[in-house]
């Protein structure tokens, strides 16, 4: 009904005012886990993007947990098999 739609719009407007309109943390976490190195992307740019996504999606974790998660994603998402093998060997658990 129209009154329900108006109420939903008011609630949505209230939430936007209070929390903003950016992507949810769940969405950012999904982006982080799905992110692989893009063709023609250098390693530093790829690492920067992972760090940005991690800091936005995982706000409450410790620095150590964050660094470990970034490292694991960097290793897994690297397009270079040689780099992937070298890093996996150097940073194996």
C-alpha atoms as a PDB file:
ATOM      1  CA  UNK A   1       0.000   0.000   0.000  1.00  0.00           C
ATOM      2  CA  UNK A   2       1.023   3.610  -0.378  1.00  0.00           C
ATOM      3  CA  UNK A   3       1.302   4.243   3.374  1.00  0.00           C
ATOM      4  CA  UNK A   4       3.683   1.254   3.726  1.00  0.00           C
ATOM      5  CA  UNK A   5       5.796   2.549   0.855  1.00  0.00           C
ATOM      6  CA  UNK A   6       5.937   5.998   2.460  1.00  0.00           C
ATOM      7  CA  UNK A   7       6.974   4.454   5.774  1.00  0.00           C
ATOM      8  CA  UNK A   8       9.690   2.364   4.059  1.00  0.00           C
ATOM      9  CA  UNK A   9      10.981   5.462   2.277  1.00  0.00           C
ATOM     10  CA  UNK A  10      11.103   7.376   5.585  1.00  0.00           C
ATOM     11  CA  UNK A  11      12.989   4.546   7.285  1.00  0.00           C
ATOM     12  CA  UNK A  12      15.429   4.338   4.382  1.00  0.00           C
ATOM     13  CA  UNK A  13      15.967   8.112   4.437  1.00  0.00           C
ATOM     14  CA  UNK A  14      16.563   7.984   8.194  1.00  0.00           C
ATOM     15  CA  UNK A  15      19.119   5.182   7.817  1.00  0.00           C
ATOM     16  CA  UNK A  16      20.914   7.030   5.027  1.00  0.00           C
ATOM     17  CA  UNK A  17      21.131  10.156   7.188  1.00  0.00           C
ATOM     18  CA  UNK A  18      22.482   8.201  10.102  1.00  0.00           C
ATOM     19  CA  UNK A  19      24.828   5.707   8.423  1.00  0.00           C
ATOM     20  CA  UNK A  20      25.502   7.051   4.942  1.00  0.00           C
ATOM     21  CA  UNK A  21      24.986   5.346   1.603  1.00  0.00           C
ATOM     22  CA  UNK A  22      28.246   3.472   1.093  1.00  0.00           C
ATOM     23  CA  UNK A  23      28.526  -0.278   0.564  1.00  0.00           C
ATOM     24  CA  UNK A  24      27.896  -2.480   3.583  1.00  0.00           C
ATOM     25  CA  UNK A  25      30.774  -4.121   5.408  1.00  0.00           C
ATOM     26  CA  UNK A  26      29.552  -7.511   4.215  1.00  0.00           C
ATOM     27  CA  UNK A  27      29.783  -6.317   0.612  1.00  0.00           C
ATOM     28  CA  UNK A  28      33.295  -4.926   1.207  1.00  0.00           C
ATOM     29  CA  UNK A  29      34.367  -8.233   2.806  1.00  0.00           C
ATOM     30  CA  UNK A  30      33.092 -10.089  -0.265  1.00  0.00           C
ATOM     31  CA  UNK A  31      35.050  -7.718  -2.497  1.00  0.00           C
ATOM     32  CA  UNK A  32      38.176  -8.345  -0.415  1.00  0.00           C
ATOM     33  CA  UNK A  33      37.874 -12.128  -0.620  1.00  0.00           C
ATOM     34  CA  UNK A  34      37.089 -12.070  -4.351  1.00  0.00           C
ATOM     35  CA  UNK A  35      39.825  -9.606  -5.313  1.00  0.00           C
ATOM     36  CA  UNK A  36      42.626 -10.937  -7.487  1.00  0.00           C
ATOM     37  CA  UNK A  37      45.451  -9.071  -9.136  1.00  0.00           C
ATOM     38  CA  UNK A  38      44.189  -7.441 -12.320  1.00  0.00           C
ATOM     39  CA  UNK A  39      46.049  -7.767 -15.616  1.00  0.00           C
ATOM     40  CA  UNK A  40      48.539  -4.904 -15.976  1.00  0.00           C
ATOM     41  CA  UNK A  41      48.187  -4.026 -12.269  1.00  0.00           C
ATOM     42  CA  UNK A  42      51.491  -3.689 -10.455  1.00  0.00           C
ATOM     43  CA  UNK A  43      52.050  -5.398  -7.114  1.00  0.00           C
ATOM     44  CA  UNK A  44      52.006  -2.200  -5.065  1.00  0.00           C
ATOM     45  CA  UNK A  45      48.659  -1.090  -6.492  1.00  0.00           C
ATOM     46  CA  UNK A  46      47.196  -4.535  -5.847  1.00  0.00           C
ATOM     47  CA  UNK A  47      48.506  -4.466  -2.268  1.00  0.00           C
ATOM     48  CA  UNK A  48      47.084  -0.948  -1.742  1.00  0.00           C
ATOM     49  CA  UNK A  49      43.632  -2.071  -2.886  1.00  0.00           C
ATOM     50  CA  UNK A  50      43.725  -5.101  -0.582  1.00  0.00           C
ATOM     51  CA  UNK A  51      44.735  -2.907   2.362  1.00  0.00           C
ATOM     52  CA  UNK A  52      41.927  -0.434   1.660  1.00  0.00           C
ATOM     53  CA  UNK A  53      39.293  -3.159   1.368  1.00  0.00           C
ATOM     54  CA  UNK A  54      40.562  -4.915   4.490  1.00  0.00           C
ATOM     55  CA  UNK A  55      40.509  -1.742   6.596  1.00  0.00           C
ATOM     56  CA  UNK A  56      36.950  -0.894   5.457  1.00  0.00           C
ATOM     57  CA  UNK A  57      35.534  -4.398   5.788  1.00  0.00           C
ATOM     58  CA  UNK A  58      37.262  -5.596   8.948  1.00  0.00           C
ATOM     59  CA  UNK A  59      37.309  -2.558  11.217  1.00  0.00           C
ATOM     60  CA  UNK A  60      37.474  -4.369  14.553  1.00  0.00           C
ATOM     61  CA  UNK A  61      40.346  -6.751  13.960  1.00  0.00           C
ATOM     62  CA  UNK A  62      43.855  -6.382  15.321  1.00  0.00           C
ATOM     63  CA  UNK A  63      46.730  -5.119  13.184  1.00  0.00           C
ATOM     64  CA  UNK A  64      48.281  -8.584  13.207  1.00  0.00           C
ATOM     65  CA  UNK A  65      45.083 -10.231  11.970  1.00  0.00           C
ATOM     66  CA  UNK A  66      44.716  -7.577   9.293  1.00  0.00           C
ATOM     67  CA  UNK A  67      48.275  -7.977   8.018  1.00  0.00           C
ATOM     68  CA  UNK A  68      47.963 -11.759   7.980  1.00  0.00           C
ATOM     69  CA  UNK A  69      44.683 -11.585   6.030  1.00  0.00           C
ATOM     70  CA  UNK A  70      46.161  -9.153   3.514  1.00  0.00           C
ATOM     71  CA  UNK A  71      49.243 -11.324   3.059  1.00  0.00           C
ATOM     72  CA  UNK A  72      47.154 -14.455   2.489  1.00  0.00           C
ATOM     73  CA  UNK A  73      44.933 -12.695  -0.042  1.00  0.00           C
ATOM     74  CA  UNK A  74      47.958 -11.204  -1.802  1.00  0.00           C
ATOM     75  CA  UNK A  75      49.543 -14.645  -2.117  1.00  0.00           C
ATOM     76  CA  UNK A  76      46.328 -16.305  -3.311  1.00  0.00           C
ATOM     77  CA  UNK A  77      45.355 -13.535  -5.723  1.00  0.00           C
ATOM     78  CA  UNK A  78      48.749 -12.973  -7.319  1.00  0.00           C
ATOM     79  CA  UNK A  79      48.721 -13.584 -11.056  1.00  0.00           C
ATOM     80  CA  UNK A  80      52.378 -14.639 -11.080  1.00  0.00           C
ATOM     81  CA  UNK A  81      52.774 -18.347 -10.329  1.00  0.00           C
ATOM     82  CA  UNK A  82      56.449 -17.784  -9.573  1.00  0.00           C
ATOM     83  CA  UNK A  83      55.679 -15.069  -7.021  1.00  0.00           C
ATOM     84  CA  UNK A  84      52.822 -17.120  -5.606  1.00  0.00           C
ATOM     85  CA  UNK A  85      55.116 -20.115  -5.011  1.00  0.00           C
ATOM     86  CA  UNK A  86      57.932 -18.003  -3.555  1.00  0.00           C
ATOM     87  CA  UNK A  87      55.634 -16.178  -1.134  1.00  0.00           C
ATOM     88  CA  UNK A  88      53.760 -19.316  -0.148  1.00  0.00           C
ATOM     89  CA  UNK A  89      57.075 -20.977   0.650  1.00  0.00           C
ATOM     90  CA  UNK A  90      58.395 -18.029   2.636  1.00  0.00           C
ATOM     91  CA  UNK A  91      55.201 -17.371   4.586  1.00  0.00           C
ATOM     92  CA  UNK A  92      53.865 -20.887   5.112  1.00  0.00           C
ATOM     93  CA  UNK A  93      52.137 -21.446   8.436  1.00  0.00           C
END
